[in-house]
Amino acid sequence: MLSPLELRYIMENAFLPTVCKCEIDTAGMMNLKLINARTNEAILEERNIRTADLSSAREIATFVAELKNRLSTITVVNPERRRHRR
């Protein structure tokens, strides 16, 4: 079993260059927020994830892949493009 600090490090780095804020409480529940680095807007939030369900490298990789798949279906507006459209 990974420590909360190790799991947090893995999660926050798994989504780079997208900003990932990871919080793990003392009860072993994790909240993730993926943020657009340019606009600072939340793109995706996952709450109440049981860290006990992420106890192996395979479980973590599967979870990250599922979130990346969901992230790929979300349209993120690029503020640079918005400014140049008229």
PDB file of N, CA and C in Angstrom:
ATOM      1  N   MET A   1       0.844  -1.183   0.000  1.00  0.00           N
ATOM      2  CA  MET A   1       0.000   0.000   0.000  1.00  0.00           C
ATOM      3  C   MET A   1       0.885   1.241   0.000  1.00  0.00           C
ATOM      4  N   LEU A   2       0.551   2.173  -0.879  1.00  0.00           N
ATOM      5  CA  LEU A   2       1.289   3.426  -0.959  1.00  0.00           C
ATOM      6  C   LEU A   2       0.846   4.380   0.148  1.00  0.00           C
ATOM      7  N   SER A   3       1.757   5.232   0.545  1.00  0.00           N
ATOM      8  CA  SER A   3       1.382   6.268   1.497  1.00  0.00           C
ATOM      9  C   SER A   3       0.551   7.316   0.765  1.00  0.00           C
ATOM     10  N   PRO A   4      -0.252   8.077   1.499  1.00  0.00           N
ATOM     11  CA  PRO A   4      -1.023   9.147   0.847  1.00  0.00           C
ATOM     12  C   PRO A   4      -0.138  10.131   0.082  1.00  0.00           C
ATOM     13  N   LEU A   5       1.028  10.423   0.610  1.00  0.00           N
ATOM     14  CA  LEU A   5       1.946  11.344  -0.048  1.00  0.00           C
ATOM     15  C   LEU A   5       2.429  10.786  -1.391  1.00  0.00           C
ATOM     16  N   GLU A   6       2.766   9.483  -1.423  1.00  0.00           N
ATOM     17  CA  GLU A   6       3.213   8.853  -2.669  1.00  0.00           C
ATOM     18  C   GLU A   6       2.089   8.815  -3.702  1.00  0.00           C
ATOM     19  N   LEU A   7       0.888   8.449  -3.261  1.00  0.00           N
ATOM     20  CA  LEU A   7      -0.251   8.381  -4.165  1.00  0.00           C
ATOM     21  C   LEU A   7      -0.581   9.772  -4.724  1.00  0.00           C
ATOM     22  N   ARG A   8      -0.537  10.757  -3.876  1.00  0.00           N
ATOM     23  CA  ARG A   8      -0.787  12.131  -4.311  1.00  0.00           C
ATOM     24  C   ARG A   8       0.233  12.564  -5.368  1.00  0.00           C
ATOM     25  N   TYR A   9       1.488  12.253  -5.132  1.00  0.00           N
ATOM     26  CA  TYR A   9       2.552  12.588  -6.085  1.00  0.00           C
ATOM     27  C   TYR A   9       2.298  11.929  -7.441  1.00  0.00           C
ATOM     28  N   ILE A  10       1.942  10.655  -7.426  1.00  0.00           N
ATOM     29  CA  ILE A  10       1.674   9.918  -8.659  1.00  0.00           C
ATOM     30  C   ILE A  10       0.511  10.552  -9.414  1.00  0.00           C
ATOM     31  N   MET A  11      -0.568  10.841  -8.699  1.00  0.00           N
ATOM     32  CA  MET A  11      -1.754  11.408  -9.342  1.00  0.00           C
ATOM     33  C   MET A  11      -1.472  12.795  -9.919  1.00  0.00           C
ATOM     34  N   GLU A  12      -0.808  13.637  -9.165  1.00  0.00           N
ATOM     35  CA  GLU A  12      -0.572  15.002  -9.625  1.00  0.00           C
ATOM     36  C   GLU A  12       0.371  15.050 -10.827  1.00  0.00           C
ATOM     37  N   ASN A  13       1.216  14.049 -10.974  1.00  0.00           N
ATOM     38  CA  ASN A  13       2.143  14.012 -12.104  1.00  0.00           C
ATOM     39  C   ASN A  13       1.602  13.227 -13.296  1.00  0.00           C
ATOM     40  N   ALA A  14       0.591  12.424 -13.084  1.00  0.00           N
ATOM     41  CA  ALA A  14       0.051  11.580 -14.149  1.00  0.00           C
ATOM     42  C   ALA A  14      -0.650  12.371 -15.238  1.00  0.00           C
ATOM     43  N   PHE A  15      -1.121  13.555 -14.919  1.00  0.00           N
ATOM     44  CA  PHE A  15      -1.929  14.316 -15.864  1.00  0.00           C
ATOM     45  C   PHE A  15      -1.203  15.520 -16.462  1.00  0.00           C
ATOM     46  N   LEU A  16       0.075  15.678 -16.163  1.00  0.00           N
ATOM     47  CA  LEU A  16       0.831  16.800 -16.701  1.00  0.00           C
ATOM     48  C   LEU A  16       0.728  16.835 -18.220  1.00  0.00           C
ATOM     49  N   PRO A  17       0.594  17.965 -18.871  1.00  0.00           N
ATOM     50  CA  PRO A  17       0.741  19.318 -18.373  1.00  0.00           C
ATOM     51  C   PRO A  17      -0.532  19.887 -17.734  1.00  0.00           C
ATOM     52  N   THR A  18      -1.621  19.119 -17.704  1.00  0.00           N
ATOM     53  CA  THR A  18      -2.822  19.575 -17.012  1.00  0.00           C
ATOM     54  C   THR A  18      -2.531  19.609 -15.518  1.00  0.00           C
ATOM     55  N   VAL A  19      -2.970  20.653 -14.859  1.00  0.00           N
ATOM     56  CA  VAL A  19      -2.761  20.785 -13.419  1.00  0.00           C
ATOM     57  C   VAL A  19      -3.727  19.848 -12.699  1.00  0.00           C
ATOM     58  N   CYS A  20      -3.206  19.086 -11.770  1.00  0.00           N
ATOM     59  CA  CYS A  20      -4.027  18.167 -10.986  1.00  0.00           C
ATOM     60  C   CYS A  20      -3.837  18.479  -9.507  1.00  0.00           C
ATOM     61  N   LYS A  21      -4.936  18.772  -8.834  1.00  0.00           N
ATOM     62  CA  LYS A  21      -4.903  18.989  -7.381  1.00  0.00           C
ATOM     63  C   LYS A  21      -5.487  17.738  -6.741  1.00  0.00           C
ATOM     64  N   CYS A  22      -4.733  17.128  -5.873  1.00  0.00           N
ATOM     65  CA  CYS A  22      -5.139  15.882  -5.232  1.00  0.00           C
ATOM     66  C   CYS A  22      -5.148  16.079  -3.718  1.00  0.00           C
ATOM     67  N   GLU A  23      -6.259  15.707  -3.107  1.00  0.00           N
ATOM     68  CA  GLU A  23      -6.373  15.770  -1.648  1.00  0.00           C
ATOM     69  C   GLU A  23      -6.795  14.398  -1.143  1.00  0.00           C
ATOM     70  N   ILE A  24      -6.129  13.942  -0.101  1.00  0.00           N
ATOM     71  CA  ILE A  24      -6.472  12.662   0.512  1.00  0.00           C
ATOM     72  C   ILE A  24      -6.705  12.915   1.988  1.00  0.00           C
ATOM     73  N   ASP A  25      -7.883  12.530   2.469  1.00  0.00           N
ATOM     74  CA  ASP A  25      -8.190  12.770   3.882  1.00  0.00           C
ATOM     75  C   ASP A  25      -7.739  11.595   4.735  1.00  0.00           C
ATOM     76  N   THR A  26      -7.883  11.735   6.037  1.00  0.00           N
ATOM     77  CA  THR A  26      -7.429  10.700   6.973  1.00  0.00           C
ATOM     78  C   THR A  26      -8.246   9.421   6.892  1.00  0.00           C
ATOM     79  N   ALA A  27      -9.433   9.486   6.304  1.00  0.00           N
ATOM     80  CA  ALA A  27     -10.272   8.298   6.143  1.00  0.00           C
ATOM     81  C   ALA A  27      -9.909   7.520   4.880  1.00  0.00           C
ATOM     82  N   GLY A  28      -8.934   8.020   4.114  1.00  0.00           N
ATOM     83  CA  GLY A  28      -8.513   7.327   2.910  1.00  0.00           C
ATOM     84  C   GLY A  28      -9.365   7.624   1.687  1.00  0.00           C
ATOM     85  N   MET A  29      -9.995   8.791   1.686  1.00  0.00           N
ATOM     86  CA  MET A  29     -10.796   9.202   0.540  1.00  0.00           C
ATOM     87  C   MET A  29     -10.037  10.294  -0.217  1.00  0.00           C
ATOM     88  N   MET A  30     -10.037  10.176  -1.536  1.00  0.00           N
ATOM     89  CA  MET A  30      -9.283  11.102  -2.372  1.00  0.00           C
ATOM     90  C   MET A  30     -10.225  11.926  -3.241  1.00  0.00           C
ATOM     91  N   ASN A  31      -9.889  13.203  -3.395  1.00  0.00           N
ATOM     92  CA  ASN A  31     -10.589  14.103  -4.311  1.00  0.00           C
ATOM     93  C   ASN A  31      -9.567  14.627  -5.309  1.00  0.00           C
ATOM     94  N   LEU A  32      -9.933  14.586  -6.597  1.00  0.00           N
ATOM     95  CA  LEU A  32      -9.061  15.094  -7.655  1.00  0.00           C
ATOM     96  C   LEU A  32      -9.758  16.210  -8.396  1.00  0.00           C
ATOM     97  N   LYS A  33      -8.995  17.218  -8.755  1.00  0.00           N
ATOM     98  CA  LYS A  33      -9.515  18.303  -9.584  1.00  0.00           C
ATOM     99  C   LYS A  33      -8.485  18.562 -10.669  1.00  0.00           C
ATOM    100  N   LEU A  34      -8.907  18.430 -11.934  1.00  0.00           N
ATOM    101  CA  LEU A  34      -8.048  18.718 -13.071  1.00  0.00           C
ATOM    102  C   LEU A  34      -8.386  20.112 -13.554  1.00  0.00           C
ATOM    103  N   ILE A  35      -7.344  20.921 -13.730  1.00  0.00           N
ATOM    104  CA  ILE A  35      -7.514  22.348 -13.997  1.00  0.00           C
ATOM    105  C   ILE A  35      -6.781  22.745 -15.272  1.00  0.00           C
ATOM    106  N   ASN A  36      -7.451  23.549 -16.097  1.00  0.00           N
ATOM    107  CA  ASN A  36      -6.836  24.104 -17.292  1.00  0.00           C
ATOM    108  C   ASN A  36      -5.786  25.118 -16.836  1.00  0.00           C
ATOM    109  N   ALA A  37      -4.539  24.890 -17.187  1.00  0.00           N
ATOM    110  CA  ALA A  37      -3.439  25.745 -16.726  1.00  0.00           C
ATOM    111  C   ALA A  37      -3.533  27.168 -17.279  1.00  0.00           C
ATOM    112  N   ARG A  38      -4.129  27.330 -18.458  1.00  0.00           N
ATOM    113  CA  ARG A  38      -4.217  28.667 -19.054  1.00  0.00           C
ATOM    114  C   ARG A  38      -5.332  29.498 -18.452  1.00  0.00           C
ATOM    115  N   THR A  39      -6.471  28.873 -18.209  1.00  0.00           N
ATOM    116  CA  THR A  39      -7.634  29.633 -17.736  1.00  0.00           C
ATOM    117  C   THR A  39      -7.876  29.478 -16.241  1.00  0.00           C
ATOM    118  N   ASN A  40      -7.210  28.507 -15.628  1.00  0.00           N
ATOM    119  CA  ASN A  40      -7.367  28.202 -14.208  1.00  0.00           C
ATOM    120  C   ASN A  40      -8.790  27.726 -13.874  1.00  0.00           C
ATOM    121  N   GLU A  41      -9.486  27.195 -14.878  1.00  0.00           N
ATOM    122  CA  GLU A  41     -10.833  26.665 -14.680  1.00  0.00           C
ATOM    123  C   GLU A  41     -10.786  25.162 -14.476  1.00  0.00           C
ATOM    124  N   ALA A  42     -11.656  24.658 -13.613  1.00  0.00           N
ATOM    125  CA  ALA A  42     -11.746  23.216 -13.395  1.00  0.00           C
ATOM    126  C   ALA A  42     -12.289  22.546 -14.648  1.00  0.00           C
ATOM    127  N   ILE A  43     -11.622  21.489 -15.076  1.00  0.00           N
ATOM    128  CA  ILE A  43     -12.037  20.735 -16.253  1.00  0.00           C
ATOM    129  C   ILE A  43     -12.830  19.506 -15.822  1.00  0.00           C
ATOM    130  N   LEU A  44     -12.329  18.845 -14.791  1.00  0.00           N
ATOM    131  CA  LEU A  44     -12.928  17.591 -14.336  1.00  0.00           C
ATOM    132  C   LEU A  44     -12.679  17.446 -12.842  1.00  0.00           C
ATOM    133  N   GLU A  45     -13.694  17.004 -12.117  1.00  0.00           N
ATOM    134  CA  GLU A  45     -13.544  16.751 -10.682  1.00  0.00           C
ATOM    135  C   GLU A  45     -14.037  15.352 -10.369  1.00  0.00           C
ATOM    136  N   GLU A  46     -13.276  14.652  -9.570  1.00  0.00           N
ATOM    137  CA  GLU A  46     -13.664  13.336  -9.068  1.00  0.00           C
ATOM    138  C   GLU A  46     -13.586  13.404  -7.551  1.00  0.00           C
ATOM    139  N   ARG A  47     -14.636  12.955  -6.899  1.00  0.00           N
ATOM    140  CA  ARG A  47     -14.681  13.028  -5.435  1.00  0.00           C
ATOM    141  C   ARG A  47     -14.913  11.655  -4.823  1.00  0.00           C
ATOM    142  N   ASN A  48     -14.486  11.522  -3.596  1.00  0.00           N
ATOM    143  CA  ASN A  48     -14.725  10.319  -2.783  1.00  0.00           C
ATOM    144  C   ASN A  48     -14.228   9.043  -3.440  1.00  0.00           C
ATOM    145  N   ILE A  49     -12.979   9.077  -3.875  1.00  0.00           N
ATOM    146  CA  ILE A  49     -12.333   7.908  -4.443  1.00  0.00           C
ATOM    147  C   ILE A  49     -11.645   7.172  -3.301  1.00  0.00           C
ATOM    148  N   ARG A  50     -11.951   5.913  -3.160  1.00  0.00           N
ATOM    149  CA  ARG A  50     -11.334   5.118  -2.083  1.00  0.00           C
ATOM    150  C   ARG A  50      -9.890   4.791  -2.446  1.00  0.00           C
ATOM    151  N   THR A  51      -8.955   5.270  -1.637  1.00  0.00           N
ATOM    152  CA  THR A  51      -7.547   5.001  -1.923  1.00  0.00           C
ATOM    153  C   THR A  51      -7.225   3.517  -1.745  1.00  0.00           C
ATOM    154  N   ALA A  52      -8.027   2.808  -0.961  1.00  0.00           N
ATOM    155  CA  ALA A  52      -7.822   1.367  -0.792  1.00  0.00           C
ATOM    156  C   ALA A  52      -8.007   0.630  -2.120  1.00  0.00           C
ATOM    157  N   ASP A  53      -8.787   1.228  -3.032  1.00  0.00           N
ATOM    158  CA  ASP A  53      -8.999   0.635  -4.354  1.00  0.00           C
ATOM    159  C   ASP A  53      -7.835   0.905  -5.299  1.00  0.00           C
ATOM    160  N   LEU A  54      -6.874   1.696  -4.864  1.00  0.00           N
ATOM    161  CA  LEU A  54      -5.709   2.051  -5.683  1.00  0.00           C
ATOM    162  C   LEU A  54      -4.433   1.564  -5.005  1.00  0.00           C
ATOM    163  N   SER A  55      -4.405   0.303  -4.687  1.00  0.00           N
ATOM    164  CA  SER A  55      -3.284  -0.225  -3.902  1.00  0.00           C
ATOM    165  C   SER A  55      -2.193  -0.869  -4.753  1.00  0.00           C
ATOM    166  N   SER A  56      -2.412  -1.012  -6.057  1.00  0.00           N
ATOM    167  CA  SER A  56      -1.371  -1.591  -6.906  1.00  0.00           C
ATOM    168  C   SER A  56      -1.122  -0.679  -8.104  1.00  0.00           C
ATOM    169  N   ALA A  57       0.008  -0.885  -8.738  1.00  0.00           N
ATOM    170  CA  ALA A  57       0.358  -0.095  -9.913  1.00  0.00           C
ATOM    171  C   ALA A  57      -0.678  -0.292 -11.016  1.00  0.00           C
ATOM    172  N   ARG A  58      -1.171  -1.490 -11.167  1.00  0.00           N
ATOM    173  CA  ARG A  58      -2.168  -1.775 -12.201  1.00  0.00           C
ATOM    174  C   ARG A  58      -3.474  -1.023 -11.927  1.00  0.00           C
ATOM    175  N   GLU A  59      -3.933  -1.016 -10.677  1.00  0.00           N
ATOM    176  CA  GLU A  59      -5.164  -0.298 -10.323  1.00  0.00           C
ATOM    177  C   GLU A  59      -5.020   1.208 -10.549  1.00  0.00           C
ATOM    178  N   ILE A  60      -3.863   1.749 -10.194  1.00  0.00           N
ATOM    179  CA  ILE A  60      -3.608   3.172 -10.397  1.00  0.00           C
ATOM    180  C   ILE A  60      -3.572   3.491 -11.886  1.00  0.00           C
ATOM    181  N   ALA A  61      -2.867   2.670 -12.668  1.00  0.00           N
ATOM    182  CA  ALA A  61      -2.766   2.901 -14.111  1.00  0.00           C
ATOM    183  C   ALA A  61      -4.138   2.819 -14.779  1.00  0.00           C
ATOM    184  N   THR A  62      -4.964   1.882 -14.366  1.00  0.00           N
ATOM    185  CA  THR A  62      -6.305   1.750 -14.926  1.00  0.00           C
ATOM    186  C   THR A  62      -7.148   2.971 -14.587  1.00  0.00           C
ATOM    187  N   PHE A  63      -7.077   3.414 -13.348  1.00  0.00           N
ATOM    188  CA  PHE A  63      -7.830   4.593 -12.912  1.00  0.00           C
ATOM    189  C   PHE A  63      -7.395   5.835 -13.697  1.00  0.00           C
ATOM    190  N   VAL A  64      -6.084   6.034 -13.826  1.00  0.00           N
ATOM    191  CA  VAL A  64      -5.564   7.189 -14.561  1.00  0.00           C
ATOM    192  C   VAL A  64      -5.992   7.112 -16.023  1.00  0.00           C
ATOM    193  N   ALA A  65      -5.926   5.935 -16.633  1.00  0.00           N
ATOM    194  CA  ALA A  65      -6.326   5.778 -18.034  1.00  0.00           C
ATOM    195  C   ALA A  65      -7.810   6.105 -18.217  1.00  0.00           C
ATOM    196  N   GLU A  66      -8.644   5.695 -17.275  1.00  0.00           N
ATOM    197  CA  GLU A  66     -10.075   5.999 -17.358  1.00  0.00           C
ATOM    198  C   GLU A  66     -10.324   7.505 -17.282  1.00  0.00           C
ATOM    199  N   LEU A  67      -9.623   8.168 -16.366  1.00  0.00           N
ATOM    200  CA  LEU A  67      -9.786   9.618 -16.252  1.00  0.00           C
ATOM    201  C   LEU A  67      -9.253  10.342 -17.484  1.00  0.00           C
ATOM    202  N   LYS A  68      -8.126   9.884 -18.030  1.00  0.00           N
ATOM    203  CA  LYS A  68      -7.583  10.507 -19.233  1.00  0.00           C
ATOM    204  C   LYS A  68      -8.541  10.316 -20.402  1.00  0.00           C
ATOM    205  N   ASN A  69      -9.188   9.167 -20.461  1.00  0.00           N
ATOM    206  CA  ASN A  69     -10.165   8.927 -21.509  1.00  0.00           C
ATOM    207  C   ASN A  69     -11.342   9.895 -21.376  1.00  0.00           C
ATOM    208  N   ARG A  70     -11.848  10.070 -20.160  1.00  0.00           N
ATOM    209  CA  ARG A  70     -12.928  11.037 -19.925  1.00  0.00           C
ATOM    210  C   ARG A  70     -12.465  12.449 -20.239  1.00  0.00           C
ATOM    211  N   LEU A  71     -11.240  12.765 -19.871  1.00  0.00           N
ATOM    212  CA  LEU A  71     -10.681  14.095 -20.119  1.00  0.00           C
ATOM    213  C   LEU A  71     -10.593  14.370 -21.617  1.00  0.00           C
ATOM    214  N   SER A  72     -10.290  13.354 -22.404  1.00  0.00           N
ATOM    215  CA  SER A  72     -10.153  13.547 -23.846  1.00  0.00           C
ATOM    216  C   SER A  72     -11.489  13.848 -24.520  1.00  0.00           C
ATOM    217  N   THR A  73     -12.593  13.541 -23.865  1.00  0.00           N
ATOM    218  CA  THR A  73     -13.915  13.806 -24.455  1.00  0.00           C
ATOM    219  C   THR A  73     -14.451  15.183 -24.078  1.00  0.00           C
ATOM    220  N   ILE A  74     -13.759  15.871 -23.179  1.00  0.00           N
ATOM    221  CA  ILE A  74     -14.201  17.193 -22.731  1.00  0.00           C
ATOM    222  C   ILE A  74     -13.565  18.254 -23.615  1.00  0.00           C
ATOM    223  N   THR A  75     -14.372  19.151 -24.125  1.00  0.00           N
ATOM    224  CA  THR A  75     -13.873  20.240 -24.949  1.00  0.00           C
ATOM    225  C   THR A  75     -13.380  21.360 -24.044  1.00  0.00           C
ATOM    226  N   VAL A  76     -12.120  21.692 -24.201  1.00  0.00           N
ATOM    227  CA  VAL A  76     -11.529  22.780 -23.426  1.00  0.00           C
ATOM    228  C   VAL A  76     -11.351  23.967 -24.359  1.00  0.00           C
ATOM    229  N   VAL A  77     -11.914  25.077 -23.985  1.00  0.00           N
ATOM    230  CA  VAL A  77     -11.830  26.276 -24.806  1.00  0.00           C
ATOM    231  C   VAL A  77     -10.475  26.924 -24.597  1.00  0.00           C
ATOM    232  N   ASN A  78      -9.803  27.184 -25.695  1.00  0.00           N
ATOM    233  CA  ASN A  78      -8.518  27.857 -25.649  1.00  0.00           C
ATOM    234  C   ASN A  78      -8.791  29.366 -25.698  1.00  0.00           C
ATOM    235  N   PRO A  79      -8.436  30.120 -24.657  1.00  0.00           N
ATOM    236  CA  PRO A  79      -8.745  31.547 -24.626  1.00  0.00           C
ATOM    237  C   PRO A  79      -8.070  32.317 -25.761  1.00  0.00           C
ATOM    238  N   GLU A  80      -6.952  31.823 -26.277  1.00  0.00           N
ATOM    239  CA  GLU A  80      -6.263  32.490 -27.383  1.00  0.00           C
ATOM    240  C   GLU A  80      -7.151  32.470 -28.624  1.00  0.00           C
ATOM    241  N   ARG A  81      -7.785  31.337 -28.890  1.00  0.00           N
ATOM    242  CA  ARG A  81      -8.645  31.218 -30.064  1.00  0.00           C
ATOM    243  C   ARG A  81      -9.898  32.062 -29.907  1.00  0.00           C
ATOM    244  N   ARG A  82     -10.434  32.082 -28.705  1.00  0.00           N
ATOM    245  CA  ARG A  82     -11.656  32.824 -28.452  1.00  0.00           C
ATOM    246  C   ARG A  82     -11.442  34.307 -28.767  1.00  0.00           C
ATOM    247  N   ARG A  83     -10.287  34.823 -28.430  1.00  0.00           N
ATOM    248  CA  ARG A  83      -9.971  36.229 -28.637  1.00  0.00           C
ATOM    249  C   ARG A  83      -9.881  36.574 -30.116  1.00  0.00           C
ATOM    250  N   HIS A  84      -9.379  35.656 -30.933  1.00  0.00           N
ATOM    251  CA  HIS A  84      -9.144  35.942 -32.342  1.00  0.00           C
ATOM    252  C   HIS A  84     -10.354  35.673 -33.231  1.00  0.00           C
ATOM    253  N   ARG A  85     -11.355  35.008 -32.720  1.00  0.00           N
ATOM    254  CA  ARG A  85     -12.569  34.761 -33.508  1.00  0.00           C
ATOM    255  C   ARG A  85     -13.441  35.987 -33.519  1.00  0.00           C
ATOM    256  N   ARG A  86     -13.959  36.311 -34.657  1.00  0.00           N
ATOM    257  CA  ARG A  86     -14.894  37.440 -34.765  1.00  0.00           C
ATOM    258  C   ARG A  86     -15.865  37.201 -35.865  1.00  0.00           C
TER     259      ARG A  86
END
